[in-house]
């Protein structure tokens, strides 16, 4: 997953845009998914709760005080779900395109 760390001040806008474009071009959603799965696993082990259960209880406001503050876990889970959907959609398109091309030929 692309990560930017600035020491001191942020770079000029043009330099930042170029760094962002380079990072986006080099990113791989499958790798991102694996990184996010690792982060979720850490939270699940620490709090002894699945991420699915956490997300449901978090959204309903039904968590104890120890876990309620875990905005980072909620954000990581949300990003995991969105990234998983992108990967699944991409795989489905790749699987269907060859068949569709044959039908159209």
N, C-alpha and C. Protein backbone atom coordinates (compact mmCIF):
# COMPACT_ATOMS: atom_id res chain seq x y z
N UNK A 1 0.84 -1.17 0.00
CA UNK A 1 0.00 0.00 0.00
C UNK A 1 0.89 1.23 0.00
N UNK A 2 0.58 2.18 -0.85
CA UNK A 2 1.38 3.39 -0.88
C UNK A 2 1.31 4.12 0.45
N UNK A 3 2.42 4.63 0.85
CA UNK A 3 2.49 5.38 2.10
C UNK A 3 3.44 6.55 1.90
N UNK A 4 3.02 7.72 2.33
CA UNK A 4 3.85 8.91 2.22
C UNK A 4 4.21 9.41 3.60
N UNK A 5 5.46 9.69 3.80
CA UNK A 5 5.93 10.26 5.07
C UNK A 5 6.76 11.48 4.72
N UNK A 6 6.34 12.61 5.25
CA UNK A 6 7.05 13.85 5.00
C UNK A 6 7.73 14.30 6.28
N UNK A 7 8.98 14.58 6.18
CA UNK A 7 9.75 15.09 7.31
C UNK A 7 9.90 16.58 7.07
N UNK A 8 9.51 17.37 8.04
CA UNK A 8 9.55 18.82 7.85
C UNK A 8 8.27 19.27 7.19
N UNK A 9 8.38 19.75 5.97
CA UNK A 9 7.19 20.25 5.28
C UNK A 9 6.87 19.35 4.08
N UNK A 10 5.66 19.48 3.60
CA UNK A 10 5.23 18.71 2.44
C UNK A 10 5.93 19.25 1.19
N UNK A 11 6.10 18.40 0.18
CA UNK A 11 6.75 18.86 -1.05
C UNK A 11 5.82 19.81 -1.82
N UNK A 12 6.35 20.49 -2.80
CA UNK A 12 5.50 21.35 -3.63
C UNK A 12 4.39 20.52 -4.29
N UNK A 13 3.26 21.14 -4.63
CA UNK A 13 2.13 20.39 -5.20
C UNK A 13 2.48 19.53 -6.41
N UNK A 14 3.27 20.04 -7.33
CA UNK A 14 3.61 19.26 -8.53
C UNK A 14 4.40 18.02 -8.16
N UNK A 15 5.32 18.15 -7.24
CA UNK A 15 6.12 17.00 -6.80
C UNK A 15 5.25 15.98 -6.07
N UNK A 16 4.33 16.47 -5.25
CA UNK A 16 3.42 15.57 -4.54
C UNK A 16 2.53 14.81 -5.53
N UNK A 17 1.97 15.52 -6.51
CA UNK A 17 1.11 14.87 -7.51
C UNK A 17 1.88 13.78 -8.26
N UNK A 18 3.13 14.06 -8.60
CA UNK A 18 3.94 13.07 -9.31
C UNK A 18 4.21 11.85 -8.43
N UNK A 19 4.54 12.08 -7.16
CA UNK A 19 4.78 10.97 -6.23
C UNK A 19 3.52 10.14 -6.04
N UNK A 20 2.38 10.81 -5.96
CA UNK A 20 1.12 10.10 -5.81
C UNK A 20 0.81 9.28 -7.06
N UNK A 21 1.02 9.86 -8.24
CA UNK A 21 0.77 9.14 -9.49
C UNK A 21 1.69 7.92 -9.60
N UNK A 22 2.95 8.09 -9.24
CA UNK A 22 3.90 6.97 -9.29
C UNK A 22 3.48 5.86 -8.33
N UNK A 23 3.05 6.24 -7.14
CA UNK A 23 2.63 5.25 -6.15
C UNK A 23 1.38 4.51 -6.60
N UNK A 24 0.44 5.23 -7.17
CA UNK A 24 -0.80 4.61 -7.63
C UNK A 24 -0.53 3.65 -8.80
N UNK A 25 0.40 4.02 -9.67
CA UNK A 25 0.74 3.16 -10.80
C UNK A 25 1.43 1.88 -10.34
N UNK A 26 2.17 1.97 -9.25
CA UNK A 26 2.94 0.82 -8.77
C UNK A 26 2.15 -0.05 -7.79
N UNK A 27 0.98 0.38 -7.38
CA UNK A 27 0.23 -0.37 -6.38
C UNK A 27 -0.41 -1.61 -7.00
N UNK A 28 -0.58 -2.62 -6.17
CA UNK A 28 -1.20 -3.87 -6.59
C UNK A 28 -2.30 -4.19 -5.57
N UNK A 29 -3.57 -4.20 -5.99
CA UNK A 29 -4.65 -4.42 -5.03
C UNK A 29 -4.57 -5.76 -4.29
N UNK A 30 -4.00 -6.76 -4.92
CA UNK A 30 -3.87 -8.06 -4.23
C UNK A 30 -2.87 -7.92 -3.08
N UNK A 31 -1.76 -7.24 -3.34
CA UNK A 31 -0.80 -7.00 -2.26
C UNK A 31 -1.43 -6.16 -1.15
N UNK A 32 -2.20 -5.15 -1.55
CA UNK A 32 -2.89 -4.32 -0.56
C UNK A 32 -3.83 -5.16 0.30
N UNK A 33 -4.54 -6.06 -0.35
CA UNK A 33 -5.47 -6.94 0.36
C UNK A 33 -4.75 -7.80 1.38
N UNK A 34 -3.59 -8.30 1.01
CA UNK A 34 -2.81 -9.12 1.94
C UNK A 34 -2.31 -8.30 3.14
N UNK A 35 -1.87 -7.09 2.88
CA UNK A 35 -1.42 -6.21 3.97
C UNK A 35 -2.58 -5.92 4.91
N UNK A 36 -3.73 -5.59 4.35
CA UNK A 36 -4.91 -5.28 5.17
C UNK A 36 -5.35 -6.51 5.97
N UNK A 37 -5.31 -7.69 5.35
CA UNK A 37 -5.68 -8.92 6.06
C UNK A 37 -4.76 -9.14 7.25
N UNK A 38 -3.48 -8.84 7.08
CA UNK A 38 -2.53 -8.96 8.19
C UNK A 38 -2.86 -8.01 9.32
N UNK A 39 -3.21 -6.77 8.98
CA UNK A 39 -3.59 -5.79 10.01
C UNK A 39 -4.84 -6.24 10.74
N UNK A 40 -5.82 -6.72 9.99
CA UNK A 40 -7.06 -7.18 10.63
C UNK A 40 -6.77 -8.35 11.56
N UNK A 41 -5.90 -9.24 11.14
CA UNK A 41 -5.54 -10.39 11.98
C UNK A 41 -4.93 -9.95 13.30
N UNK A 42 -4.12 -8.90 13.26
CA UNK A 42 -3.53 -8.38 14.49
C UNK A 42 -4.61 -7.88 15.46
N UNK A 43 -5.56 -7.12 14.93
CA UNK A 43 -6.67 -6.64 15.78
C UNK A 43 -7.50 -7.80 16.31
N UNK A 44 -7.78 -8.78 15.45
CA UNK A 44 -8.59 -9.92 15.87
C UNK A 44 -7.94 -10.70 16.99
N UNK A 45 -6.62 -10.89 16.89
CA UNK A 45 -5.91 -11.60 17.96
C UNK A 45 -5.89 -10.77 19.24
N UNK A 46 -5.65 -9.48 19.11
CA UNK A 46 -5.55 -8.62 20.28
C UNK A 46 -6.87 -8.55 21.04
N UNK A 47 -7.97 -8.41 20.30
CA UNK A 47 -9.28 -8.22 20.94
C UNK A 47 -10.15 -9.48 20.94
N UNK A 48 -9.60 -10.58 20.39
CA UNK A 48 -10.30 -11.86 20.39
C UNK A 48 -11.72 -11.74 19.83
N UNK A 49 -11.77 -11.14 18.63
CA UNK A 49 -13.05 -10.92 17.97
C UNK A 49 -12.78 -10.85 16.47
N UNK A 50 -13.67 -11.43 15.68
CA UNK A 50 -13.50 -11.34 14.22
C UNK A 50 -13.76 -9.91 13.76
N UNK A 51 -13.18 -9.57 12.64
CA UNK A 51 -13.38 -8.23 12.09
C UNK A 51 -14.83 -8.01 11.66
N UNK A 52 -15.46 -9.06 11.18
CA UNK A 52 -16.88 -8.95 10.79
C UNK A 52 -17.72 -8.62 12.01
N UNK A 53 -17.52 -9.36 13.10
CA UNK A 53 -18.26 -9.11 14.34
C UNK A 53 -17.96 -7.71 14.87
N UNK A 54 -16.68 -7.34 14.84
CA UNK A 54 -16.30 -6.00 15.30
C UNK A 54 -17.03 -4.94 14.49
N UNK A 55 -17.01 -5.06 13.16
CA UNK A 55 -17.62 -4.04 12.30
C UNK A 55 -19.12 -3.92 12.56
N UNK A 56 -19.80 -5.05 12.72
CA UNK A 56 -21.24 -5.01 13.00
C UNK A 56 -21.51 -4.32 14.34
N UNK A 57 -20.76 -4.70 15.36
CA UNK A 57 -20.97 -4.11 16.68
C UNK A 57 -20.52 -2.66 16.71
N UNK A 58 -19.45 -2.33 15.98
CA UNK A 58 -18.95 -0.95 15.93
C UNK A 58 -20.00 -0.04 15.31
N UNK A 59 -20.56 -0.46 14.19
CA UNK A 59 -21.56 0.35 13.50
C UNK A 59 -22.83 0.51 14.32
N UNK A 60 -23.14 -0.49 15.13
CA UNK A 60 -24.33 -0.42 15.98
C UNK A 60 -24.04 0.29 17.31
N UNK A 61 -22.78 0.62 17.57
CA UNK A 61 -22.43 1.27 18.83
C UNK A 61 -22.52 0.35 20.03
N UNK A 62 -22.29 -0.94 19.82
CA UNK A 62 -22.44 -1.93 20.88
C UNK A 62 -21.11 -2.56 21.28
N UNK A 63 -20.09 -1.75 21.46
CA UNK A 63 -18.79 -2.27 21.88
C UNK A 63 -18.46 -1.76 23.27
N UNK A 64 -17.66 -2.54 23.99
CA UNK A 64 -17.24 -2.06 25.31
C UNK A 64 -16.21 -0.95 25.12
N UNK A 65 -15.89 -0.27 26.20
CA UNK A 65 -15.01 0.90 26.14
C UNK A 65 -13.62 0.57 25.58
N UNK A 66 -13.13 -0.64 25.82
CA UNK A 66 -11.78 -0.99 25.36
C UNK A 66 -11.69 -1.02 23.84
N UNK A 67 -12.76 -1.42 23.17
CA UNK A 67 -12.72 -1.60 21.73
C UNK A 67 -13.39 -0.44 20.99
N UNK A 68 -14.26 0.30 21.62
CA UNK A 68 -15.03 1.34 20.97
C UNK A 68 -14.15 2.39 20.28
N UNK A 69 -12.97 2.63 20.79
CA UNK A 69 -12.09 3.67 20.23
C UNK A 69 -11.32 3.21 18.99
N UNK A 70 -11.51 2.00 18.56
CA UNK A 70 -10.69 1.42 17.48
C UNK A 70 -11.12 1.90 16.10
N UNK A 71 -11.01 3.19 15.86
CA UNK A 71 -11.35 3.76 14.56
C UNK A 71 -10.44 3.19 13.48
N UNK A 72 -9.19 2.94 13.84
CA UNK A 72 -8.23 2.40 12.86
C UNK A 72 -8.65 1.01 12.40
N UNK A 73 -9.16 0.19 13.32
CA UNK A 73 -9.64 -1.14 12.94
C UNK A 73 -10.83 -1.00 12.00
N UNK A 74 -11.75 -0.11 12.33
CA UNK A 74 -12.92 0.10 11.47
C UNK A 74 -12.50 0.57 10.09
N UNK A 75 -11.54 1.48 10.02
CA UNK A 75 -11.07 1.99 8.73
C UNK A 75 -10.36 0.89 7.94
N UNK A 76 -9.55 0.09 8.61
CA UNK A 76 -8.83 -1.00 7.93
C UNK A 76 -9.83 -2.03 7.39
N UNK A 77 -10.86 -2.34 8.17
CA UNK A 77 -11.86 -3.30 7.72
C UNK A 77 -12.63 -2.76 6.52
N UNK A 78 -13.01 -1.49 6.58
CA UNK A 78 -13.73 -0.87 5.47
C UNK A 78 -12.89 -0.89 4.19
N UNK A 79 -11.62 -0.55 4.32
CA UNK A 79 -10.73 -0.56 3.16
C UNK A 79 -10.52 -1.99 2.65
N UNK A 80 -10.43 -2.96 3.55
CA UNK A 80 -10.31 -4.36 3.17
C UNK A 80 -11.50 -4.80 2.33
N UNK A 81 -12.71 -4.47 2.79
CA UNK A 81 -13.93 -4.87 2.08
C UNK A 81 -13.96 -4.22 0.69
N UNK A 82 -13.63 -2.94 0.62
CA UNK A 82 -13.65 -2.25 -0.67
C UNK A 82 -12.59 -2.81 -1.62
N UNK A 83 -11.41 -3.06 -1.11
CA UNK A 83 -10.33 -3.61 -1.94
C UNK A 83 -10.69 -5.01 -2.41
N UNK A 84 -11.29 -5.80 -1.54
CA UNK A 84 -11.71 -7.16 -1.90
C UNK A 84 -12.72 -7.11 -3.03
N UNK A 85 -13.65 -6.16 -2.97
CA UNK A 85 -14.64 -6.02 -4.04
C UNK A 85 -13.97 -5.67 -5.37
N UNK A 86 -12.98 -4.79 -5.33
CA UNK A 86 -12.25 -4.41 -6.55
C UNK A 86 -11.55 -5.63 -7.14
N UNK A 87 -10.88 -6.39 -6.30
CA UNK A 87 -10.17 -7.59 -6.77
C UNK A 87 -11.16 -8.60 -7.35
N UNK A 88 -12.26 -8.83 -6.66
CA UNK A 88 -13.27 -9.78 -7.15
C UNK A 88 -13.86 -9.33 -8.48
N UNK A 89 -14.18 -8.05 -8.60
CA UNK A 89 -14.75 -7.52 -9.85
C UNK A 89 -13.75 -7.65 -10.99
N UNK A 90 -12.49 -7.37 -10.71
CA UNK A 90 -11.45 -7.48 -11.74
C UNK A 90 -11.30 -8.92 -12.19
N UNK A 91 -11.31 -9.85 -11.25
CA UNK A 91 -11.21 -11.27 -11.60
C UNK A 91 -12.41 -11.74 -12.41
N UNK A 92 -13.59 -11.26 -12.05
CA UNK A 92 -14.80 -11.64 -12.79
C UNK A 92 -14.74 -11.11 -14.22
N UNK A 93 -14.32 -9.85 -14.38
CA UNK A 93 -14.20 -9.29 -15.73
C UNK A 93 -13.19 -10.08 -16.55
N UNK A 94 -12.07 -10.43 -15.94
CA UNK A 94 -11.04 -11.19 -16.65
C UNK A 94 -11.55 -12.57 -17.04
N UNK A 95 -12.37 -13.16 -16.20
CA UNK A 95 -12.90 -14.49 -16.50
C UNK A 95 -13.96 -14.44 -17.59
N UNK A 96 -14.73 -13.38 -17.63
CA UNK A 96 -15.83 -13.27 -18.59
C UNK A 96 -15.38 -12.73 -19.94
N UNK A 97 -14.41 -11.87 -19.96
CA UNK A 97 -13.99 -11.23 -21.22
C UNK A 97 -13.61 -12.23 -22.31
N UNK A 98 -12.81 -13.26 -22.03
CA UNK A 98 -12.47 -14.19 -23.12
C UNK A 98 -13.70 -14.87 -23.71
N UNK A 99 -14.65 -15.26 -22.85
CA UNK A 99 -15.88 -15.90 -23.33
C UNK A 99 -16.69 -14.93 -24.18
N UNK A 100 -16.78 -13.68 -23.73
CA UNK A 100 -17.55 -12.68 -24.45
C UNK A 100 -16.90 -12.39 -25.81
N UNK A 101 -15.58 -12.34 -25.85
CA UNK A 101 -14.87 -12.08 -27.09
C UNK A 101 -15.13 -13.21 -28.10
N UNK A 102 -15.20 -14.45 -27.61
CA UNK A 102 -15.46 -15.59 -28.50
C UNK A 102 -16.88 -15.52 -29.07
N UNK A 103 -17.84 -15.12 -28.26
CA UNK A 103 -19.23 -15.01 -28.70
C UNK A 103 -19.36 -13.92 -29.75
N UNK A 104 -18.66 -12.84 -29.57
CA UNK A 104 -18.74 -11.69 -30.49
C UNK A 104 -17.98 -11.94 -31.80
N UNK A 105 -17.10 -12.92 -31.84
CA UNK A 105 -16.27 -13.15 -33.04
C UNK A 105 -17.03 -13.88 -34.12
